[in-house]
Amino acid sequence: MTRTRRNFTPEERLSIIQEGEREGHSITLRKYQIAPSLYARWKHKYLNEGIYGLKDKHKRVDPVLRELELENERLKRIIAKQALEIEVKSELLKKLLSDRRQDECYHTISWQ
């Protein structure tokens, strides 16, 4: 049988710490089925950083959101590649037209 991971909010963590101080550590730990090391870690963080220390430090990323971000990056790369291709083609076209005009001017001048 596997245990599921429980998530306590910072407010719940604070209330467990306060209850542990009022009613005793061992009773509170058994009541909430918390390891003594976890309780000690929460208490240490609370004493050092206050309620902010009890908040989660890492940001959980939704898998769907992460997938959308990857798709967005991929589409941005495609757009950048296409924009570069368009720019190169337009520069080549300008150069080709400019060379053609010079050739036409040269031919008209040489015939006269």
C-alpha atoms as a PDB file:
ATOM      1  CA  MET A   1       0.000   0.000   0.000  1.00  0.00           C
ATOM      2  CA  THR A   2       1.480   3.328  -1.028  1.00  0.00           C
ATOM      3  CA  ARG A   3       0.874   6.561   0.783  1.00  0.00           C
ATOM      4  CA  THR A   4      -0.232   9.568  -1.155  1.00  0.00           C
ATOM      5  CA  ARG A   5       1.700  12.749  -0.636  1.00  0.00           C
ATOM      6  CA  ARG A   6      -0.229  15.307   1.370  1.00  0.00           C
ATOM      7  CA  ASN A   7       0.095  19.009   0.709  1.00  0.00           C
ATOM      8  CA  PHE A   8      -0.298  21.355   3.646  1.00  0.00           C
ATOM      9  CA  THR A   9      -0.938  25.032   3.083  1.00  0.00           C
ATOM     10  CA  PRO A  10       1.268  27.509   4.960  1.00  0.00           C
ATOM     11  CA  GLU A  11      -1.668  28.309   7.251  1.00  0.00           C
ATOM     12  CA  GLU A  12      -2.157  24.606   8.068  1.00  0.00           C
ATOM     13  CA  ARG A  13       1.556  24.228   8.770  1.00  0.00           C
ATOM     14  CA  LEU A  14       1.450  27.208  11.121  1.00  0.00           C
ATOM     15  CA  SER A  15      -1.592  25.858  12.962  1.00  0.00           C
ATOM     16  CA  ILE A  16       0.114  22.449  13.361  1.00  0.00           C
ATOM     17  CA  ILE A  17       3.220  24.154  14.794  1.00  0.00           C
ATOM     18  CA  GLN A  18       1.089  26.192  17.207  1.00  0.00           C
ATOM     19  CA  GLU A  19      -0.932  23.124  18.197  1.00  0.00           C
ATOM     20  CA  GLY A  20       2.302  21.227  18.798  1.00  0.00           C
ATOM     21  CA  GLU A  21       3.457  23.961  21.159  1.00  0.00           C
ATOM     22  CA  ARG A  22       0.119  23.976  23.036  1.00  0.00           C
ATOM     23  CA  GLU A  23      -0.702  20.269  23.228  1.00  0.00           C
ATOM     24  CA  GLY A  24       2.690  18.620  22.894  1.00  0.00           C
ATOM     25  CA  HIS A  25       4.760  17.529  19.933  1.00  0.00           C
ATOM     26  CA  SER A  26       4.190  13.781  20.050  1.00  0.00           C
ATOM     27  CA  ILE A  27       0.394  14.047  20.278  1.00  0.00           C
ATOM     28  CA  THR A  28       0.228  16.514  17.383  1.00  0.00           C
ATOM     29  CA  LEU A  29       2.613  14.454  15.241  1.00  0.00           C
ATOM     30  CA  ARG A  30       0.505  11.319  15.742  1.00  0.00           C
ATOM     31  CA  LYS A  31      -2.729  13.214  15.104  1.00  0.00           C
ATOM     32  CA  TYR A  32      -1.558  14.526  11.723  1.00  0.00           C
ATOM     33  CA  GLN A  33       0.739  11.571  10.975  1.00  0.00           C
ATOM     34  CA  ILE A  34       3.758  13.822  10.449  1.00  0.00           C
ATOM     35  CA  ALA A  35       7.378  12.785  10.877  1.00  0.00           C
ATOM     36  CA  PRO A  36       9.260  14.555  13.664  1.00  0.00           C
ATOM     37  CA  SER A  37      11.910  15.701  11.184  1.00  0.00           C
ATOM     38  CA  LEU A  38       9.245  17.385   9.036  1.00  0.00           C
ATOM     39  CA  TYR A  39       7.749  19.125  12.065  1.00  0.00           C
ATOM     40  CA  ALA A  40      11.228  20.290  13.143  1.00  0.00           C
ATOM     41  CA  ARG A  41      11.947  21.606   9.626  1.00  0.00           C
ATOM     42  CA  TRP A  42       8.667  23.540   9.529  1.00  0.00           C
ATOM     43  CA  LYS A  43       9.306  24.988  12.987  1.00  0.00           C
ATOM     44  CA  HIS A  44      12.872  25.991  12.084  1.00  0.00           C
ATOM     45  CA  LYS A  45      11.709  27.699   8.877  1.00  0.00           C
ATOM     46  CA  TYR A  46       8.910  29.481  10.747  1.00  0.00           C
ATOM     47  CA  LEU A  47      11.253  30.745  13.451  1.00  0.00           C
ATOM     48  CA  ASN A  48      13.785  31.998  10.892  1.00  0.00           C
ATOM     49  CA  GLU A  49      11.543  33.408   8.160  1.00  0.00           C
ATOM     50  CA  GLY A  50       8.066  33.684   9.642  1.00  0.00           C
ATOM     51  CA  ILE A  51       4.999  32.603   7.671  1.00  0.00           C
ATOM     52  CA  TYR A  52       6.919  33.172   4.407  1.00  0.00           C
ATOM     53  CA  GLY A  53       9.267  30.341   5.403  1.00  0.00           C
ATOM     54  CA  LEU A  54       6.338  27.914   5.433  1.00  0.00           C
ATOM     55  CA  LYS A  55       5.376  28.663   1.822  1.00  0.00           C
ATOM     56  CA  ASP A  56       6.554  26.436  -1.020  1.00  0.00           C
ATOM     57  CA  LYS A  57       9.743  27.783  -2.571  1.00  0.00           C
ATOM     58  CA  HIS A  58       9.379  26.081  -5.927  1.00  0.00           C
ATOM     59  CA  LYS A  59       6.766  26.959  -8.484  1.00  0.00           C
ATOM     60  CA  ARG A  60       4.717  24.056  -9.791  1.00  0.00           C
ATOM     61  CA  VAL A  61       4.191  24.194 -13.528  1.00  0.00           C
ATOM     62  CA  ASP A  62       1.044  22.764 -15.032  1.00  0.00           C
ATOM     63  CA  PRO A  63       1.994  20.173 -17.707  1.00  0.00           C
ATOM     64  CA  VAL A  64      -0.552  21.632 -20.126  1.00  0.00           C
ATOM     65  CA  LEU A  65       0.911  25.108 -19.618  1.00  0.00           C
ATOM     66  CA  ARG A  66       4.434  23.778 -20.166  1.00  0.00           C
ATOM     67  CA  GLU A  67       3.322  22.064 -23.384  1.00  0.00           C
ATOM     68  CA  LEU A  68       1.764  25.322 -24.611  1.00  0.00           C
ATOM     69  CA  GLU A  69       4.975  27.210 -23.801  1.00  0.00           C
ATOM     70  CA  LEU A  70       7.021  24.702 -25.826  1.00  0.00           C
ATOM     71  CA  GLU A  71       4.587  24.987 -28.730  1.00  0.00           C
ATOM     72  CA  ASN A  72       4.798  28.780 -28.527  1.00  0.00           C
ATOM     73  CA  GLU A  73       8.617  28.666 -28.649  1.00  0.00           C
ATOM     74  CA  ARG A  74       8.503  26.331 -31.649  1.00  0.00           C
ATOM     75  CA  LEU A  75       6.099  28.621 -33.509  1.00  0.00           C
ATOM     76  CA  LYS A  76       8.252  31.663 -32.726  1.00  0.00           C
ATOM     77  CA  ARG A  77      11.281  29.884 -34.212  1.00  0.00           C
ATOM     78  CA  ILE A  78       9.279  29.050 -37.354  1.00  0.00           C
ATOM     79  CA  ILE A  79       8.143  32.664 -37.718  1.00  0.00           C
ATOM     80  CA  ALA A  80      11.686  33.948 -37.223  1.00  0.00           C
ATOM     81  CA  LYS A  81      12.985  31.535 -39.859  1.00  0.00           C
ATOM     82  CA  GLN A  82      10.291  32.583 -42.330  1.00  0.00           C
ATOM     83  CA  ALA A  83      10.945  36.285 -41.671  1.00  0.00           C
ATOM     84  CA  LEU A  84      14.651  35.742 -42.327  1.00  0.00           C
ATOM     85  CA  GLU A  85      13.909  33.883 -45.565  1.00  0.00           C
ATOM     86  CA  ILE A  86      11.589  36.682 -46.728  1.00  0.00           C
ATOM     87  CA  GLU A  87      14.220  39.294 -45.923  1.00  0.00           C
ATOM     88  CA  VAL A  88      16.943  37.406 -47.804  1.00  0.00           C
ATOM     89  CA  LYS A  89      14.685  36.854 -50.813  1.00  0.00           C
ATOM     90  CA  SER A  90      13.659  40.513 -50.928  1.00  0.00           C
ATOM     91  CA  GLU A  91      17.319  41.604 -50.747  1.00  0.00           C
ATOM     92  CA  LEU A  92      18.200  39.211 -53.575  1.00  0.00           C
ATOM     93  CA  LEU A  93      15.255  40.454 -55.624  1.00  0.00           C
ATOM     94  CA  LYS A  94      16.299  44.074 -55.107  1.00  0.00           C
ATOM     95  CA  LYS A  95      19.835  43.236 -56.142  1.00  0.00           C
ATOM     96  CA  LEU A  96      18.630  41.289 -59.185  1.00  0.00           C
ATOM     97  CA  LEU A  97      16.331  44.138 -60.284  1.00  0.00           C
ATOM     98  CA  SER A  98      19.068  46.683 -59.762  1.00  0.00           C
ATOM     99  CA  ASP A  99      21.515  44.596 -61.831  1.00  0.00           C
ATOM    100  CA  ARG A 100      18.888  44.150 -64.566  1.00  0.00           C
ATOM    101  CA  ARG A 101      18.247  47.920 -64.709  1.00  0.00           C
ATOM    102  CA  GLN A 102      21.946  48.591 -65.001  1.00  0.00           C
ATOM    103  CA  ASP A 103      22.198  46.040 -67.832  1.00  0.00           C
ATOM    104  CA  GLU A 104      19.224  47.640 -69.618  1.00  0.00           C
ATOM    105  CA  CYS A 105      20.754  51.075 -69.248  1.00  0.00           C
ATOM    106  CA  TYR A 106      24.077  49.799 -70.558  1.00  0.00           C
ATOM    107  CA  HIS A 107      22.469  48.120 -73.569  1.00  0.00           C
ATOM    108  CA  THR A 108      20.421  51.202 -74.495  1.00  0.00           C
ATOM    109  CA  ILE A 109      23.461  53.415 -74.235  1.00  0.00           C
ATOM    110  CA  SER A 110      25.670  51.093 -76.278  1.00  0.00           C
ATOM    111  CA  TRP A 111      23.149  50.853 -79.125  1.00  0.00           C
ATOM    112  CA  GLN A 112      22.824  54.573 -79.596  1.00  0.00           C
END
